[in-house]
Amino acid sequence: MVFNWLTGGRPDHPLADMKRARELVTALPQHDSVRALEDVAAWLESLNSEAGFKLRNRLELVDLLDQAAKTHWHKIAPEYLEAPRLQKFYEKRLWEISFGFWKTLGDAYLQCIEQFQAGGSGAGATEKGLPLVTGRALRCLGVQLKWLLLRYDLIEERIWRDLGRAYLFAESRGFADQRTAIYPGKHGESSAREEFLKTLMLMMSAPEGLAPAKLQIAERMVAHFGSGFVLDRVSGPGRKFFFDLSMHRPPGRVHKGLRAGSMLRFFGPGPVEQALSAMANLIHERDGIPSDVNLGGNFDNETVLSVLAHLERYWGDQPPARTAERRDIATRVTVVPDFSKILPWIEALADASSLEFSDPEAAESWIAFNTSKTGLGAIVPTVRADWVRIGRLLGLRTETSSICRIGVVRRATRDPYEQRRVGIEVLGDVTIPVKVAAADGAGSPNVEGSTAFLLASKPDKNREVAIVMRAGSFTRNHNMQMRVRDKAYLLAPSELIEAGGDYDWARFEVVKQL
């Protein structure tokens, strides 16, 4: 649906003349999508600040600018996911332009809703378009949430406020379930209820534990299954989460003692829980992603399957719990990122005969605020937070310890004080530098090999040990040799636990000493 009403009295604004507005849209730079999106956002902001437009004219202009921006947006969005390969200032610019566009567009549609509620001129003539307008407003809020999550940023309170207000408006007007083509195209049909639920379900998917590429897949899977999510005024099977339309707070998991109220809505995956398993089985059977799933990019099967497993865990009745109790602390921790920088640091620490050593240039000092046997939480200095990503390998040493451990960033958020907080999984019980190499036919223990990190002082009950090696070192069909000080061992590969950007974390069976 495209809004097309005749204008009446016009405010003193460049967009007041519809012919002039179309000329401005036609003049957008076709080969510079960043500049084009900036221009559209500027026109939207100008329109939002002008109160003199009649509702029917405002809607027509917002729709015109919205449609004009879509081609440019679809060029910019995939580019941002490749941002780690881009210069930092350009990555930041892409994020600011994209988020700013969706915020300004969302504000424009919300302003239309408010103008209708106020009984502005032309409100009656626009009533049939309300499902479309509200659906678009809710989708804009959902996209804003995604972009904040991509940057591990603080979710603004206004997101939850506007989400609740817009959906409550749809319910009060009786069209919350009405499906309409809110945008042209194959994936454009939706409803206020579906857009509302997609945003809530994304937030309940533990997005703080997903790297940007996996967050993209999760958001697309949420969109794919959006029509299957369930919503009611009471809790029940498949509705394990809740959202208060009036409290301006994020959704949560239903807990004992929670009382239903007129503004509470209970929601959840419903039948989609089973659909996730079916999707995973289909990917295994076909060795590929079904053609009707729009992921907004190309992703390998293993990555998609890992996201489906993540969603199953966090949409289930019992989400993953910490395996070890955390205790509050306040101590500094020296952090060194990346395998290539961690390697010489830990080797130097292992060989040092005293505490008289210097940390590498890449080392940073973070504040740990809680710890356990298997992890710690830390506050990252603002000026040093740019490189922090989910899945990043870290070398760690607290100020009270002379030994170093290694860990992986698992969660990242920003708190109300604008501090970046991360959750780090500490790998293994110890970190022992060892030499590993492919086993030759003679089983010789004299191969020099490359340095890796042994994560246990002895094999477990299955005679297995975990090792962190350089990326690409693990092979499923070839044995390896490991030298620990003056002893050598033959290892058989058991499983690749995780393939990080610059490391392989794998388990091996200790076959014999060489």
Protein backbone atom coordinates (compact mmCIF):
# COMPACT_ATOMS: atom_id res chain seq x y z
CA MET A 1 0.00 0.00 0.00
CA VAL A 2 1.29 3.47 -0.90
CA PHE A 3 -0.25 6.56 0.61
CA ASN A 4 -1.52 9.02 -1.99
CA TRP A 5 -3.80 11.79 -0.78
CA LEU A 6 -4.25 15.29 -2.15
CA THR A 7 -2.63 17.99 -0.08
CA GLY A 8 -4.59 20.78 1.51
CA GLY A 9 -3.05 23.75 3.31
CA ARG A 10 0.73 23.41 3.30
CA PRO A 11 3.28 24.34 5.97
CA ASP A 12 6.35 26.34 5.05
CA HIS A 13 8.63 23.36 4.45
CA PRO A 14 10.63 22.08 1.43
CA LEU A 15 8.70 18.80 1.49
CA ALA A 16 5.29 20.48 1.58
CA ASP A 17 5.13 20.39 -2.22
CA MET A 18 4.79 16.73 -3.17
CA LYS A 19 6.21 17.33 -6.63
CA ARG A 20 9.31 18.93 -5.08
CA ALA A 21 9.57 16.06 -2.58
CA ARG A 22 9.64 13.50 -5.41
CA GLU A 23 12.31 15.52 -7.20
CA LEU A 24 14.45 15.46 -4.06
CA VAL A 25 14.08 11.68 -3.83
CA THR A 26 14.96 11.27 -7.51
CA ALA A 27 18.09 13.37 -6.94
CA LEU A 28 19.44 11.06 -4.22
CA PRO A 29 22.96 9.82 -5.13
CA GLN A 30 22.35 6.39 -6.68
CA HIS A 31 25.96 5.21 -6.41
CA ASP A 32 26.64 6.42 -2.86
CA SER A 33 24.24 4.56 -0.55
CA VAL A 34 25.85 5.96 2.60
CA ARG A 35 25.26 9.53 1.46
CA ALA A 36 21.76 8.69 0.21
CA LEU A 37 20.75 7.22 3.56
CA GLU A 38 22.19 10.23 5.35
CA ASP A 39 20.10 12.53 3.13
CA VAL A 40 16.90 10.53 3.73
CA ALA A 41 17.48 10.55 7.49
CA ALA A 42 18.00 14.32 7.38
CA TRP A 43 14.73 14.84 5.50
CA LEU A 44 12.89 12.59 7.95
CA GLU A 45 14.31 14.47 10.92
CA SER A 46 13.23 17.75 9.31
CA LEU A 47 9.75 16.34 8.72
CA ASN A 48 9.50 15.09 12.31
CA SER A 49 10.27 18.55 13.66
CA GLU A 50 7.53 20.20 11.62
CA ALA A 51 4.13 20.05 13.36
CA GLY A 52 2.17 21.74 10.57
CA PHE A 53 1.67 18.76 8.27
CA LYS A 54 -1.76 17.21 8.04
CA LEU A 55 -1.67 13.53 8.87
CA ARG A 56 -2.46 12.31 5.37
CA ASN A 57 0.36 14.46 3.94
CA ARG A 58 2.83 13.36 6.63
CA LEU A 59 2.10 9.71 5.93
CA GLU A 60 2.55 10.15 2.21
CA LEU A 61 5.93 11.82 2.70
CA VAL A 62 7.18 9.30 5.27
CA ASP A 63 6.20 6.49 2.93
CA LEU A 64 7.97 8.18 0.00
CA LEU A 65 11.21 8.58 1.97
CA ASP A 66 10.95 5.10 3.46
CA GLN A 67 10.62 3.44 0.06
CA ALA A 68 13.42 5.58 -1.41
CA ALA A 69 15.83 4.43 1.30
CA LYS A 70 15.23 0.69 1.02
CA THR A 71 17.59 -0.05 -1.87
CA HIS A 72 20.39 1.90 -0.21
CA TRP A 73 19.76 0.25 3.16
CA HIS A 74 20.04 -3.24 1.64
CA LYS A 75 23.48 -2.31 0.31
CA ILE A 76 24.78 -0.93 3.60
CA ALA A 77 23.51 -3.61 6.02
CA PRO A 78 25.58 -6.55 4.64
CA GLU A 79 28.64 -4.31 4.47
CA TYR A 80 28.48 -3.65 8.20
CA LEU A 81 28.67 -7.37 8.98
CA GLU A 82 32.06 -7.32 7.22
CA ALA A 83 33.08 -4.31 9.34
CA PRO A 84 35.92 -6.15 11.19
CA ARG A 85 37.75 -6.03 7.86
CA LEU A 86 37.06 -2.31 7.48
CA GLN A 87 38.77 0.67 9.00
CA LYS A 88 37.37 1.48 12.42
CA PHE A 89 36.11 4.96 11.57
CA TYR A 90 34.17 3.57 8.58
CA GLU A 91 32.61 0.80 10.66
CA LYS A 92 31.49 3.43 13.19
CA ARG A 93 30.07 5.61 10.43
CA LEU A 94 28.09 2.72 8.94
CA TRP A 95 26.60 1.91 12.34
CA GLU A 96 25.67 5.51 13.13
CA ILE A 97 24.07 6.08 9.72
CA SER A 98 22.12 2.82 9.81
CA PHE A 99 20.91 3.14 13.38
CA GLY A 100 20.15 6.84 12.93
CA PHE A 101 18.05 6.14 9.84
CA TRP A 102 15.91 3.49 11.57
CA LYS A 103 15.46 5.62 14.67
CA THR A 104 14.36 8.65 12.66
CA LEU A 105 12.07 6.53 10.48
CA GLY A 106 10.55 4.86 13.55
CA ASP A 107 10.00 8.26 15.17
CA ALA A 108 8.20 9.40 12.01
CA TYR A 109 5.73 6.49 12.09
CA LEU A 110 5.20 6.86 15.84
CA GLN A 111 4.47 10.55 15.30
CA CYS A 112 1.82 9.57 12.77
CA ILE A 113 0.19 7.30 15.35
CA GLU A 114 0.25 10.08 17.94
CA GLN A 115 -1.23 12.53 15.46
CA PHE A 116 -4.06 10.08 14.74
CA GLN A 117 -4.70 9.58 18.45
CA ALA A 118 -4.86 13.35 18.89
CA GLY A 119 -7.55 13.54 16.24
CA GLY A 120 -5.49 15.64 13.86
CA SER A 121 -6.76 16.84 10.52
CA GLY A 122 -7.28 13.98 8.11
CA ALA A 123 -7.21 11.29 10.82
CA GLY A 124 -10.42 9.68 9.62
CA ALA A 125 -9.11 9.28 6.08
CA THR A 126 -6.03 7.42 7.28
CA GLU A 127 -7.71 4.85 9.52
CA LYS A 128 -7.51 2.05 6.93
CA GLY A 129 -3.74 2.48 6.82
CA LEU A 130 -3.21 2.07 10.56
CA PRO A 131 -2.20 -1.64 10.45
CA LEU A 132 0.51 -0.76 7.94
CA VAL A 133 1.74 2.29 9.85
CA THR A 134 1.82 0.48 13.19
CA GLY A 135 3.49 -2.59 11.69
CA ARG A 136 6.20 -0.39 10.23
CA ALA A 137 6.68 1.48 13.50
CA LEU A 138 7.12 -1.81 15.36
CA ARG A 139 9.50 -3.16 12.73
CA CYS A 140 11.62 -0.01 13.01
CA LEU A 141 11.91 -0.59 16.76
CA GLY A 142 12.93 -4.19 16.15
CA VAL A 143 15.66 -3.17 13.71
CA GLN A 144 16.93 -0.56 16.18
CA LEU A 145 17.16 -3.26 18.85
CA LYS A 146 19.18 -5.46 16.49
CA TRP A 147 21.63 -2.68 15.70
CA LEU A 148 22.14 -1.87 19.37
CA LEU A 149 22.80 -5.57 20.01
CA LEU A 150 25.28 -5.73 17.13
CA ARG A 151 27.33 -3.16 18.99
CA TYR A 152 26.72 -4.74 22.43
CA ASP A 153 25.25 -1.39 23.41
CA LEU A 154 22.85 -0.43 26.18
CA ILE A 155 19.24 -0.97 25.09
CA GLU A 156 17.52 2.37 25.48
CA GLU A 157 14.44 2.50 27.72
CA ARG A 158 12.48 4.23 24.96
CA ILE A 159 12.65 1.02 22.85
CA TRP A 160 10.49 -0.83 25.39
CA ARG A 161 8.30 2.24 26.02
CA ASP A 162 7.52 2.76 22.33
CA LEU A 163 7.14 -0.97 21.69
CA GLY A 164 4.51 -1.22 24.42
CA ARG A 165 2.69 1.94 23.33
CA ALA A 166 2.55 0.99 19.65
CA TYR A 167 1.33 -2.55 20.31
CA LEU A 168 -1.24 -1.37 22.86
CA PHE A 169 -2.53 1.06 20.23
CA ALA A 170 -2.95 -1.84 17.77
CA GLU A 171 -4.82 -3.89 20.38
CA SER A 172 -7.09 -0.99 21.34
CA ARG A 173 -8.02 -0.38 17.68
CA GLY A 174 -8.69 -4.09 17.12
CA PHE A 175 -6.18 -4.74 14.32
CA ALA A 176 -3.25 -6.30 16.21
CA ASP A 177 -3.73 -9.64 14.41
CA GLN A 178 -4.61 -8.18 11.01
CA ARG A 179 -2.04 -9.22 8.43
CA THR A 180 -1.16 -6.76 5.70
CA ALA A 181 1.65 -6.11 3.25
CA ILE A 182 3.49 -3.61 5.41
CA TYR A 183 6.20 -3.58 2.73
CA PRO A 184 6.12 -4.77 -0.89
CA GLY A 185 7.75 -8.07 -1.71
CA LYS A 186 7.85 -11.71 -0.67
CA HIS A 187 8.68 -11.12 3.00
CA GLY A 188 6.66 -7.94 3.48
CA GLU A 189 3.41 -9.36 4.89
CA SER A 190 3.06 -9.17 8.65
CA SER A 191 0.94 -7.82 11.51
CA ALA A 192 1.46 -5.63 14.56
CA ARG A 193 1.35 -8.73 16.74
CA GLU A 194 4.01 -10.52 14.70
CA GLU A 195 6.36 -7.51 14.62
CA PHE A 196 5.89 -7.06 18.38
CA LEU A 197 6.69 -10.72 19.06
CA LYS A 198 9.73 -10.84 16.80
CA THR A 199 11.39 -8.04 18.76
CA LEU A 200 10.58 -9.65 22.11
CA MET A 201 11.75 -13.10 21.01
CA LEU A 202 15.05 -11.73 19.72
CA MET A 203 15.66 -10.16 23.12
CA MET A 204 14.89 -13.49 24.85
CA SER A 205 17.45 -15.30 22.66
CA ALA A 206 20.48 -14.37 24.83
CA PRO A 207 21.78 -12.08 22.05
CA GLU A 208 24.57 -10.80 24.30
CA GLY A 209 26.24 -14.19 23.76
CA LEU A 210 26.21 -14.10 19.95
CA ALA A 211 28.89 -12.73 17.65
CA PRO A 212 27.56 -10.27 15.03
CA ALA A 213 27.28 -12.84 12.24
CA LYS A 214 25.41 -15.25 14.50
CA LEU A 215 23.17 -12.44 15.76
CA GLN A 216 22.29 -11.74 12.12
CA ILE A 217 21.31 -15.40 11.66
CA ALA A 218 19.31 -15.42 14.91
CA GLU A 219 17.38 -12.29 13.92
CA ARG A 220 16.61 -13.79 10.50
CA MET A 221 15.47 -17.07 12.07
CA VAL A 222 13.21 -15.11 14.42
CA ALA A 223 11.76 -13.33 11.38
CA HIS A 224 11.33 -16.64 9.52
CA PHE A 225 9.38 -18.23 12.36
CA GLY A 226 7.66 -15.00 13.46
CA SER A 227 4.11 -16.02 12.57
CA GLY A 228 4.39 -19.11 14.81
CA PHE A 229 5.14 -17.34 18.10
CA VAL A 230 2.32 -17.23 20.67
CA LEU A 231 0.94 -14.40 22.81
CA ASP A 232 -1.76 -14.30 25.49
CA ARG A 233 -2.83 -12.47 28.63
CA VAL A 234 -2.08 -15.53 30.78
CA SER A 235 0.95 -17.80 30.97
CA GLY A 236 0.80 -21.37 29.78
CA PRO A 237 2.53 -23.99 27.60
CA GLY A 238 4.79 -22.32 25.08
CA ARG A 239 4.40 -18.93 26.80
CA LYS A 240 7.32 -18.84 29.25
CA PHE A 241 8.20 -15.15 28.84
CA PHE A 242 6.39 -11.94 29.76
CA PHE A 243 6.38 -8.24 28.87
CA ASP A 244 4.71 -5.37 30.70
CA LEU A 245 3.28 -2.89 28.19
CA SER A 246 3.48 -0.07 30.72
CA MET A 247 6.79 -0.53 32.55
CA HIS A 248 9.36 0.48 29.88
CA ARG A 249 11.48 -2.54 30.77
CA PRO A 250 12.82 -5.46 28.72
CA PRO A 251 10.92 -8.76 28.62
CA GLY A 252 11.74 -11.50 31.10
CA ARG A 253 11.21 -15.16 31.87
CA VAL A 254 8.08 -16.08 33.84
CA HIS A 255 8.97 -16.72 37.47
CA LYS A 256 7.24 -17.89 40.59
CA GLY A 257 5.11 -15.19 42.16
CA LEU A 258 4.56 -13.23 38.94
CA ARG A 259 0.96 -12.05 38.88
CA ALA A 260 -1.02 -11.48 35.74
CA GLY A 261 -2.27 -7.94 35.19
CA SER A 262 -4.10 -6.01 32.52
CA MET A 263 -0.84 -4.75 31.01
CA LEU A 264 1.09 -8.03 31.14
CA ARG A 265 1.42 -10.12 27.99
CA PHE A 266 2.79 -13.66 28.09
CA PHE A 267 4.57 -14.96 25.02
CA GLY A 268 6.94 -17.60 23.76
CA PRO A 269 8.01 -19.85 20.90
CA GLY A 270 4.96 -22.14 21.03
CA PRO A 271 5.25 -24.68 18.18
CA VAL A 272 8.41 -23.00 16.90
CA GLU A 273 10.45 -24.97 19.46
CA GLN A 274 9.77 -28.13 17.46
CA ALA A 275 10.24 -26.25 14.18
CA LEU A 276 13.82 -25.38 15.17
CA SER A 277 14.69 -29.07 15.53
CA ALA A 278 12.98 -29.83 12.23
CA MET A 279 14.98 -27.08 10.54
CA ALA A 280 18.25 -28.46 11.93
CA ASN A 281 17.38 -31.97 10.70
CA LEU A 282 16.55 -30.59 7.27
CA ILE A 283 19.90 -28.80 7.03
CA HIS A 284 21.67 -32.05 7.97
CA GLU A 285 19.68 -34.09 5.42
CA ARG A 286 20.07 -31.64 2.53
CA ASP A 287 23.53 -30.42 3.52
CA GLY A 288 22.30 -26.90 2.91
CA ILE A 289 20.00 -24.10 4.07
CA PRO A 290 16.37 -24.38 2.80
CA SER A 291 15.74 -21.93 -0.05
CA ASP A 292 12.80 -20.28 1.73
CA VAL A 293 15.01 -19.12 4.62
CA ASN A 294 16.28 -15.58 4.04
CA LEU A 295 19.41 -15.10 6.16
CA GLY A 296 20.44 -11.84 4.52
CA GLY A 297 23.84 -13.28 3.60
CA ASN A 298 25.78 -16.48 2.98
CA PHE A 299 26.60 -18.60 6.02
CA ASP A 300 27.99 -22.12 6.32
CA ASN A 301 25.86 -24.95 7.67
CA GLU A 302 27.81 -25.34 10.91
CA THR A 303 27.35 -21.68 11.84
CA VAL A 304 23.61 -21.80 11.15
CA LEU A 305 23.24 -25.07 13.09
CA SER A 306 25.09 -23.59 16.06
CA VAL A 307 22.63 -20.67 16.12
CA LEU A 308 19.64 -23.02 15.94
CA ALA A 309 21.08 -24.95 18.90
CA HIS A 310 21.58 -21.66 20.79
CA LEU A 311 17.93 -20.69 20.21
CA GLU A 312 16.71 -24.11 21.31
CA ARG A 313 18.65 -23.78 24.56
CA TYR A 314 17.41 -20.31 25.44
CA TRP A 315 13.82 -20.76 24.27
CA GLY A 316 13.50 -23.98 26.26
CA ASP A 317 11.98 -24.48 29.69
CA GLN A 318 15.38 -24.65 31.38
CA PRO A 319 17.92 -22.19 29.91
CA PRO A 320 21.63 -22.91 30.47
CA ALA A 321 22.78 -22.17 34.00
CA ARG A 322 26.27 -21.41 35.25
CA THR A 323 28.15 -24.56 36.18
CA ALA A 324 30.08 -22.84 38.97
CA GLU A 325 29.03 -20.29 41.56
CA ARG A 326 30.36 -16.77 41.03
CA ARG A 327 31.73 -14.71 43.90
CA ASP A 328 32.06 -10.93 43.91
CA ILE A 329 35.56 -9.54 43.80
CA ALA A 330 37.28 -6.27 42.90
CA THR A 331 40.66 -6.84 41.31
CA ARG A 332 42.58 -5.89 38.23
CA VAL A 333 43.23 -8.43 35.52
CA THR A 334 45.85 -8.12 32.78
CA VAL A 335 44.35 -9.05 29.43
CA VAL A 336 46.17 -9.88 26.19
CA PRO A 337 44.05 -10.51 23.06
CA ASP A 338 44.65 -13.00 20.22
CA PHE A 339 46.56 -16.25 19.98
CA SER A 340 49.67 -14.74 18.36
CA LYS A 341 50.12 -12.22 21.21
CA ILE A 342 49.11 -14.58 24.03
CA LEU A 343 51.61 -17.24 22.95
CA PRO A 344 54.92 -15.45 23.71
CA TRP A 345 53.45 -13.91 26.86
CA ILE A 346 52.47 -17.23 28.43
CA GLU A 347 55.73 -18.86 27.30
CA ALA A 348 57.69 -16.06 28.99
CA LEU A 349 55.64 -16.40 32.18
CA ALA A 350 56.14 -20.15 32.23
CA ASP A 351 59.92 -19.74 31.91
CA ALA A 352 60.28 -16.82 34.32
CA SER A 353 62.15 -17.59 37.54
CA SER A 354 60.68 -14.55 39.30
CA LEU A 355 57.92 -11.99 38.97
CA GLU A 356 60.32 -9.53 37.29
CA PHE A 357 58.85 -9.53 33.80
CA SER A 358 57.06 -7.02 31.60
CA ASP A 359 53.70 -7.45 29.94
CA PRO A 360 53.45 -7.12 26.14
CA GLU A 361 52.50 -3.85 24.47
CA ALA A 362 49.07 -5.28 23.61
CA ALA A 363 48.25 -5.93 27.30
CA GLU A 364 45.35 -4.05 28.89
CA SER A 365 44.22 -3.68 32.48
CA TRP A 366 40.57 -4.53 33.14
CA ILE A 367 38.60 -4.65 36.40
CA ALA A 368 37.20 -8.08 37.33
CA PHE A 369 34.03 -7.79 39.44
CA ASN A 370 33.19 -11.48 39.87
CA THR A 371 34.90 -14.80 39.37
CA SER A 372 34.44 -18.56 39.54
CA LYS A 373 36.43 -21.64 38.64
CA THR A 374 35.18 -21.46 35.05
CA GLY A 375 34.85 -17.76 34.33
CA LEU A 376 34.89 -14.14 35.35
CA GLY A 377 33.05 -10.90 34.70
CA ALA A 378 35.03 -7.80 33.87
CA ILE A 379 34.63 -4.11 33.08
CA VAL A 380 36.48 -3.02 29.96
CA PRO A 381 37.98 0.50 29.82
CA THR A 382 35.94 2.61 27.41
CA VAL A 383 38.90 3.67 25.30
CA ARG A 384 39.98 0.07 24.81
CA ALA A 385 36.64 -1.60 24.11
CA ASP A 386 36.62 -1.34 20.30
CA TRP A 387 38.21 -4.74 19.62
CA VAL A 388 36.09 -6.73 22.10
CA ARG A 389 34.00 -9.32 20.28
CA ILE A 390 32.17 -12.51 21.21
CA GLY A 391 34.49 -15.46 20.66
CA ARG A 392 37.74 -13.47 21.07
CA LEU A 393 40.57 -15.44 22.70
CA LEU A 394 42.21 -13.77 25.71
CA GLY A 395 45.20 -14.36 27.92
CA LEU A 396 44.35 -13.53 31.57
CA ARG A 397 46.35 -12.89 34.73
CA THR A 398 44.92 -11.36 37.90
CA GLU A 399 47.06 -8.97 39.91
CA THR A 400 47.27 -11.49 42.76
CA SER A 401 48.48 -14.36 40.57
CA SER A 402 51.77 -15.24 38.92
CA ILE A 403 50.17 -17.67 36.46
CA CYS A 404 48.24 -17.02 33.31
CA ARG A 405 45.04 -18.62 32.03
CA ILE A 406 43.27 -18.33 28.71
CA GLY A 407 39.61 -17.57 28.13
CA VAL A 408 37.04 -16.63 25.51
CA VAL A 409 34.64 -13.66 25.53
CA ARG A 410 31.14 -15.16 25.75
CA ARG A 411 28.90 -12.17 26.56
CA ALA A 412 29.17 -8.43 26.08
CA THR A 413 26.81 -5.68 27.24
CA ARG A 414 26.88 -2.02 28.20
CA ASP A 415 25.57 -0.98 31.61
CA PRO A 416 23.63 2.22 32.49
CA TYR A 417 26.93 3.89 33.40
CA GLU A 418 28.19 3.43 29.82
CA GLN A 419 30.67 0.77 30.97
CA ARG A 420 31.33 -2.21 28.71
CA ARG A 421 30.91 -5.44 30.68
CA VAL A 422 32.02 -8.83 29.43
CA GLY A 423 31.57 -12.40 30.57
CA ILE A 424 34.66 -14.55 29.98
CA GLU A 425 34.76 -18.34 29.98
CA VAL A 426 38.08 -19.56 31.39
CA LEU A 427 39.24 -22.64 29.51
CA GLY A 428 40.57 -25.60 31.46
CA ASP A 429 42.23 -25.89 34.86
CA VAL A 430 45.73 -24.83 33.79
CA THR A 431 47.48 -23.32 30.78
CA ILE A 432 50.66 -25.22 29.92
CA PRO A 433 52.67 -24.36 26.79
CA VAL A 434 53.34 -27.54 24.77
CA LYS A 435 54.62 -28.44 21.33
CA VAL A 436 52.27 -30.21 18.90
CA ALA A 437 52.87 -31.61 15.43
CA ALA A 438 51.35 -34.09 13.01
CA ALA A 439 52.41 -37.63 13.94
CA ASP A 440 54.77 -39.18 11.38
CA GLY A 441 54.63 -42.83 10.38
CA ALA A 442 57.49 -43.81 12.65
CA GLY A 443 55.93 -42.18 15.69
CA SER A 444 59.09 -40.15 16.29
CA PRO A 445 58.93 -37.96 19.42
CA ASN A 446 61.54 -35.54 18.07
CA VAL A 447 59.35 -33.35 15.85
CA GLU A 448 59.67 -29.71 16.90
CA GLY A 449 56.11 -28.67 15.99
CA SER A 450 54.32 -25.47 16.99
CA THR A 451 53.37 -24.17 20.41
CA ALA A 452 49.87 -24.80 21.78
CA PHE A 453 48.21 -24.69 25.21
CA LEU A 454 47.41 -27.81 27.20
CA LEU A 455 44.41 -27.14 29.47
CA ALA A 456 44.80 -29.96 32.02
CA SER A 457 47.61 -31.36 34.14
CA LYS A 458 46.47 -34.93 33.49
CA PRO A 459 43.98 -36.79 31.24
CA ASP A 460 40.37 -37.16 32.39
CA LYS A 461 38.60 -40.47 33.03
CA ASN A 462 38.29 -41.00 29.26
CA ARG A 463 42.04 -40.46 28.84
CA GLU A 464 41.34 -37.19 27.04
CA VAL A 465 42.92 -33.73 27.23
CA ALA A 466 41.86 -30.37 25.77
CA ILE A 467 44.29 -28.25 23.76
CA VAL A 468 44.07 -24.77 22.23
CA MET A 469 46.08 -24.51 18.99
CA ARG A 470 46.48 -22.12 16.09
CA ALA A 471 43.45 -21.96 13.79
CA GLY A 472 43.46 -24.75 11.20
CA SER A 473 45.71 -27.08 13.21
CA PHE A 474 43.01 -29.62 14.11
CA THR A 475 42.33 -32.46 11.68
CA ARG A 476 39.76 -35.14 12.40
CA ASN A 477 41.57 -38.00 10.64
CA HIS A 478 45.19 -37.52 11.69
CA ASN A 479 46.95 -38.22 14.96
CA MET A 480 49.21 -35.66 16.60
CA GLN A 481 52.27 -35.68 18.79
CA MET A 482 52.51 -33.52 21.88
CA ARG A 483 55.70 -32.71 23.76
CA VAL A 484 55.33 -31.58 27.40
CA ARG A 485 58.75 -30.59 28.72
CA ASP A 486 60.90 -33.75 28.25
CA LYS A 487 58.06 -36.17 27.49
CA ALA A 488 56.21 -36.87 24.23
CA TYR A 489 52.75 -38.40 23.69
CA LEU A 490 50.73 -39.71 20.77
CA LEU A 491 47.27 -38.12 20.57
CA ALA A 492 44.18 -39.23 18.63
CA PRO A 493 41.62 -36.51 17.73
CA SER A 494 38.29 -36.77 19.57
CA GLU A 495 36.39 -33.57 18.71
CA LEU A 496 36.80 -29.97 17.69
CA ILE A 497 35.10 -28.09 20.54
CA GLU A 498 35.31 -24.68 18.90
CA ALA A 499 36.93 -23.09 15.86
CA GLY A 500 37.63 -19.46 16.73
CA GLY A 501 38.93 -16.73 14.49
CA ASP A 502 42.58 -17.52 15.29
CA TYR A 503 42.40 -20.71 17.34
CA ASP A 504 41.16 -24.32 17.44
CA TRP A 505 39.98 -25.66 20.80
CA ALA A 506 39.92 -29.44 20.60
CA ARG A 507 39.92 -32.65 22.62
CA PHE A 508 42.33 -35.53 22.08
CA GLU A 509 42.68 -39.03 23.48
CA VAL A 510 46.12 -39.75 24.91
CA VAL A 511 47.04 -42.99 23.10
CA LYS A 512 50.47 -43.60 24.59
CA GLN A 513 53.72 -42.05 25.71
CA LEU A 514 56.40 -42.07 23.03
